[in-house]
Protein backbone atom coordinates (compact mmCIF):
# COMPACT_ATOMS: atom_id res chain seq x y z
CA UNK A 1 -56.05 206.52 -11.61
CA UNK A 2 -58.53 207.54 -9.01
CA UNK A 3 -58.63 204.15 -7.88
CA UNK A 4 -55.17 204.02 -7.27
CA UNK A 5 -54.84 207.20 -5.42
CA UNK A 6 -57.83 206.53 -3.04
CA UNK A 7 -56.07 202.95 -2.81
CA UNK A 8 -52.42 204.59 -1.52
CA UNK A 9 -53.93 207.30 0.78
CA UNK A 10 -55.90 204.27 2.33
CA UNK A 11 -52.47 202.04 2.58
CA UNK A 12 -50.60 204.80 3.83
CA UNK A 13 -52.92 205.88 6.51
CA UNK A 14 -52.97 202.04 7.88
CA UNK A 15 -49.13 202.11 7.59
CA UNK A 16 -48.48 205.17 9.69
CA UNK A 17 -50.84 203.91 12.43
CA UNK A 18 -49.27 200.70 12.77
CA UNK A 19 -45.96 200.91 11.83
CA UNK A 20 -44.23 201.39 15.17
CA UNK A 21 -46.12 198.69 16.80
CA UNK A 22 -45.51 195.77 14.08
CA UNK A 23 -41.81 196.09 13.36
CA UNK A 24 -41.17 193.18 11.15
CA UNK A 25 -42.42 193.63 7.75
CA UNK A 26 -44.46 190.18 7.36
CA UNK A 27 -46.65 190.81 10.51
CA UNK A 28 -47.02 194.92 8.80
CA UNK A 29 -48.13 193.47 5.68
CA UNK A 30 -50.54 191.12 7.44
CA UNK A 31 -52.52 193.87 9.20
CA UNK A 32 -52.78 196.59 6.26
CA UNK A 33 -54.08 193.62 4.23
CA UNK A 34 -56.41 193.16 6.78
CA UNK A 35 -57.44 196.56 7.06
CA UNK A 36 -57.86 197.26 3.56
CA UNK A 37 -60.41 194.49 3.90
CA UNK A 38 -62.28 196.21 6.49
CA UNK A 39 -62.45 199.34 4.37
CA UNK A 40 -64.26 196.92 1.85
CA UNK A 41 -61.01 196.17 -0.59
CA UNK A 42 -60.78 192.76 -2.00
CA UNK A 43 -57.30 192.54 -0.65
CA UNK A 44 -54.83 189.79 0.21
CA UNK A 45 -51.21 188.95 1.01
CA UNK A 46 -49.32 187.16 -2.34
CA UNK A 47 -46.26 185.00 -2.24
CA UNK A 48 -43.91 184.47 -4.57
CA UNK A 49 -41.34 182.09 -4.90
CA UNK A 50 -38.65 181.19 -7.49
CA UNK A 51 -36.16 178.31 -7.98
CA UNK A 52 -32.67 178.90 -9.13
CA UNK A 53 -31.84 179.28 -12.64
CA UNK A 54 -28.84 179.64 -14.75
CA UNK A 55 -29.13 183.30 -14.70
CA UNK A 56 -31.20 183.86 -11.36
CA UNK A 57 -30.80 182.89 -7.94
CA UNK A 58 -33.82 181.36 -6.18
CA UNK A 59 -35.96 183.70 -4.05
CA UNK A 60 -39.21 184.61 -2.26
CA UNK A 61 -41.12 187.72 -1.43
CA UNK A 62 -44.41 188.68 -0.31
CA UNK A 63 -46.61 191.70 -1.13
CA UNK A 64 -50.49 192.66 -0.91
CA UNK A 65 -52.65 193.13 -3.89
CA UNK A 66 -56.22 194.27 -4.13
CA UNK A 67 -58.73 193.70 -7.07
CA UNK A 68 -60.22 196.92 -8.19
CA UNK A 69 -62.71 197.38 -10.88
CA UNK A 70 -61.60 193.79 -11.85
CA UNK A 71 -58.22 194.35 -12.24
CA UNK A 72 -55.37 193.56 -9.67
CA UNK A 73 -53.23 196.52 -8.38
CA UNK A 74 -49.95 195.59 -6.54
CA UNK A 75 -49.71 197.12 -3.09
CA UNK A 76 -45.79 197.12 -1.53
CA UNK A 77 -44.96 198.81 1.64
CA UNK A 78 -41.72 199.00 1.75
CA UNK A 79 -41.06 199.61 -1.98
CA UNK A 80 -38.02 201.99 -2.19
CA UNK A 81 -35.97 200.26 0.49
CA UNK A 82 -35.87 197.08 -2.45
CA UNK A 83 -33.67 199.33 -4.74
CA UNK A 84 -30.92 200.75 -2.14
CA UNK A 85 -27.32 199.32 -3.01
CA UNK A 86 -24.01 199.74 -1.47
CA UNK A 87 -21.85 202.82 -2.46
CA UNK A 88 -24.44 204.21 -4.98
CA UNK A 89 -23.35 207.20 -7.06
CA UNK A 90 -25.11 210.77 -6.66
CA UNK A 91 -27.31 209.99 -9.53
CA UNK A 92 -28.69 206.83 -8.33
CA UNK A 93 -29.61 208.35 -5.14
CA UNK A 94 -31.34 211.05 -6.68
CA UNK A 95 -33.30 208.22 -9.10
CA UNK A 96 -33.54 206.41 -5.49
CA UNK A 97 -35.42 209.36 -3.79
CA UNK A 98 -37.80 209.79 -6.52
CA UNK A 99 -39.35 206.45 -5.69
CA UNK A 100 -42.70 206.23 -3.48
CA UNK A 101 -41.89 204.52 0.14
CA UNK A 102 -45.12 202.93 -0.73
CA UNK A 103 -45.87 201.85 -4.38
CA UNK A 104 -49.40 201.19 -5.59
CA UNK A 105 -50.21 200.25 -9.07
CA UNK A 106 -50.68 198.45 -11.85
CA UNK A 107 -47.87 195.65 -13.17
CA UNK A 108 -47.05 197.31 -16.57
CA UNK A 109 -46.30 200.23 -14.33
CA UNK A 110 -44.23 198.21 -11.71
CA UNK A 111 -42.21 196.65 -14.96
CA UNK A 112 -41.21 200.25 -16.15
CA UNK A 113 -39.91 201.28 -12.85
CA UNK A 114 -37.73 198.00 -12.30
CA UNK A 115 -36.28 198.48 -15.82
CA UNK A 116 -35.04 201.83 -14.98
CA UNK A 117 -33.92 200.99 -11.64
CA UNK A 118 -32.01 198.18 -12.59
CA UNK A 119 -30.39 199.91 -15.50
CA UNK A 120 -29.36 202.69 -12.96
CA UNK A 121 -28.30 200.16 -10.44
CA UNK A 122 -26.03 198.79 -13.21
CA UNK A 123 -24.43 202.19 -14.33
CA UNK A 124 -24.18 203.02 -10.45
CA UNK A 125 -22.47 199.85 -9.66
CA UNK A 126 -19.87 199.74 -12.68
CA UNK A 127 -19.24 203.33 -11.90
CA UNK A 128 -17.72 202.28 -8.65
CA UNK A 129 -15.91 199.55 -10.10
CA UNK A 130 -18.28 197.10 -8.75
CA UNK A 131 -19.68 193.81 -10.06
CA UNK A 132 -23.21 193.79 -10.73
CA UNK A 133 -24.79 190.76 -8.67
CA UNK A 134 -27.65 188.70 -10.47
CA UNK A 135 -29.86 189.95 -7.40
CA UNK A 136 -29.92 193.56 -8.77
CA UNK A 137 -30.75 192.63 -12.49
CA UNK A 138 -34.02 193.11 -13.83
CA UNK A 139 -35.39 189.67 -14.05
CA UNK A 140 -34.54 188.64 -10.51
CA UNK A 141 -36.00 192.14 -9.33
CA UNK A 142 -39.11 191.33 -11.39
CA UNK A 143 -39.66 188.10 -10.08
CA UNK A 144 -40.71 189.56 -6.52
CA UNK A 145 -43.72 191.07 -7.79
CA UNK A 146 -44.38 189.12 -11.17
CA UNK A 147 -43.98 185.89 -11.23
CA UNK A 148 -45.46 182.76 -12.39
CA UNK A 149 -45.31 180.67 -8.91
CA UNK A 150 -46.99 184.04 -7.31
CA UNK A 151 -50.29 182.80 -5.21
CA UNK A 152 -52.97 184.65 -3.58
CA UNK A 153 -53.64 183.55 -0.05
CA UNK A 154 -57.02 183.59 1.68
CA UNK A 155 -56.75 185.57 4.74
CA UNK A 156 -58.99 185.71 7.98
CA UNK A 157 -58.85 188.42 10.12
CA UNK A 158 -58.46 187.89 13.93
CA UNK A 159 -61.89 189.46 14.18
CA UNK A 160 -63.86 187.01 11.87
CA UNK A 161 -62.21 184.31 13.39
CA UNK A 162 -63.49 185.36 17.10
CA UNK A 163 -67.20 186.44 15.35
CA UNK A 164 -67.01 182.75 13.91
CA UNK A 165 -66.29 181.01 17.21
CA UNK A 166 -68.93 182.76 19.37
CA UNK A 167 -71.40 181.90 16.73
CA UNK A 168 -70.26 178.27 16.77
CA UNK A 169 -70.24 178.37 12.80
CA UNK A 170 -68.49 175.83 11.41
CA UNK A 171 -66.25 176.34 8.48
CA UNK A 172 -63.67 174.89 6.28
CA UNK A 173 -60.28 175.33 7.86
CA UNK A 174 -58.49 174.63 4.75
CA UNK A 175 -56.85 177.98 3.80
CA UNK A 176 -54.78 176.85 0.66
CA UNK A 177 -53.84 179.24 -2.02
CA UNK A 178 -55.50 180.37 -5.23
CA UNK A 179 -53.12 180.70 -8.15
CA UNK A 180 -52.75 184.69 -8.97
CA UNK A 181 -52.95 184.89 -12.87
CA UNK A 182 -51.05 187.61 -14.02
CA UNK A 183 -51.05 187.23 -17.73
CA UNK A 184 -48.34 187.13 -20.66
CA UNK A 185 -45.44 189.57 -20.13
CA UNK A 186 -45.82 191.88 -22.50
CA UNK A 187 -42.62 193.75 -23.80
CA UNK A 188 -41.62 197.02 -22.53
CA UNK A 189 -41.97 200.11 -24.73
CA UNK A 190 -38.72 202.12 -25.95
CA UNK A 191 -39.91 204.91 -23.94
CA UNK A 192 -42.05 205.13 -20.84
CA UNK A 193 -45.10 207.22 -21.80
CA UNK A 194 -45.70 209.85 -18.71
CA UNK A 195 -48.55 212.23 -18.14
CA UNK A 196 -46.09 214.77 -17.46
CA UNK A 197 -42.54 215.18 -19.64
CA UNK A 198 -41.15 212.26 -20.47
CA UNK A 199 -38.75 210.87 -17.54
CA UNK A 200 -35.30 209.38 -18.73
CA UNK A 201 -32.71 207.83 -16.62
CA UNK A 202 -29.91 210.79 -15.97
CA UNK A 203 -26.52 210.06 -17.57
CA UNK A 204 -24.00 209.09 -14.97
CA UNK A 205 -21.60 211.54 -13.85
CA UNK A 206 -18.71 212.42 -12.10
CA UNK A 207 -33.31 197.89 4.06
CA UNK A 208 -34.91 199.45 6.22
CA UNK A 209 -38.42 201.28 5.92
CA UNK A 210 -38.41 204.75 6.50
CA UNK A 211 -41.08 205.86 8.68
CA UNK A 212 -41.92 209.68 7.98
CA UNK A 213 -45.07 208.40 6.43
CA UNK A 214 -45.19 211.11 3.93
CA UNK A 215 -46.56 209.80 1.23
CA UNK A 216 -44.02 210.51 -1.94
CA UNK A 217 -45.29 209.52 -5.16
CA UNK A 218 -42.01 210.48 -7.14
CA UNK A 219 -41.17 208.21 -9.80
CA UNK A 220 -44.67 206.52 -9.28
CA UNK A 221 -46.53 209.66 -10.30
CA UNK A 222 -43.91 210.20 -13.25
CA UNK A 223 -44.93 206.89 -14.80
CA UNK A 224 -48.68 206.59 -14.01
CA UNK A 225 -50.78 206.16 -16.86
CA UNK A 226 -52.49 208.86 -18.86
CA UNK A 227 -56.07 209.35 -17.64
């Protein structure tokens, strides 16, 4: 959508401007969220945390969301690196390169991408004779962005704090967390519907952020919704 493209462009500019100053991902996430707020977006840092189950190890994760036209859009400033695996096949490397560095989109599209990448990782690891660890499986990967425990945190920028102090305005210091309700998870479609010819996982033959800041839409654009 136009809103997603505009948000992606704004987020990419902020990352490009600040990535050399803020090396830690957590710090950069905070700066991106604050700068998006200054541009008028209803953005906030989201934190997800889940307990260990029989099929999924415990974990936690941070990302950003922005409410646009009443709908939550997920923003991940280091998206591609989350899918990097050891000793990947050439096919997997090709699929990985189609992912954007920065993801902006709805949870439904994110589910589609995660499902494709989880299956591709499974094929790659098996091709190399390696075990598929639980943290590379679909459920664990999805829990990072789409989890019942995900909470939207209230944020106050440094500039806002200084302004409040200088004007001697007393504010409530209790910045608790608001529950972020993502809604029920719908079953994944049989095929990914794309605006261009249907993209399919190629048959298997035979963490760090990359800072070029060239916005690569790749797989995200292939999976975008029809207008």
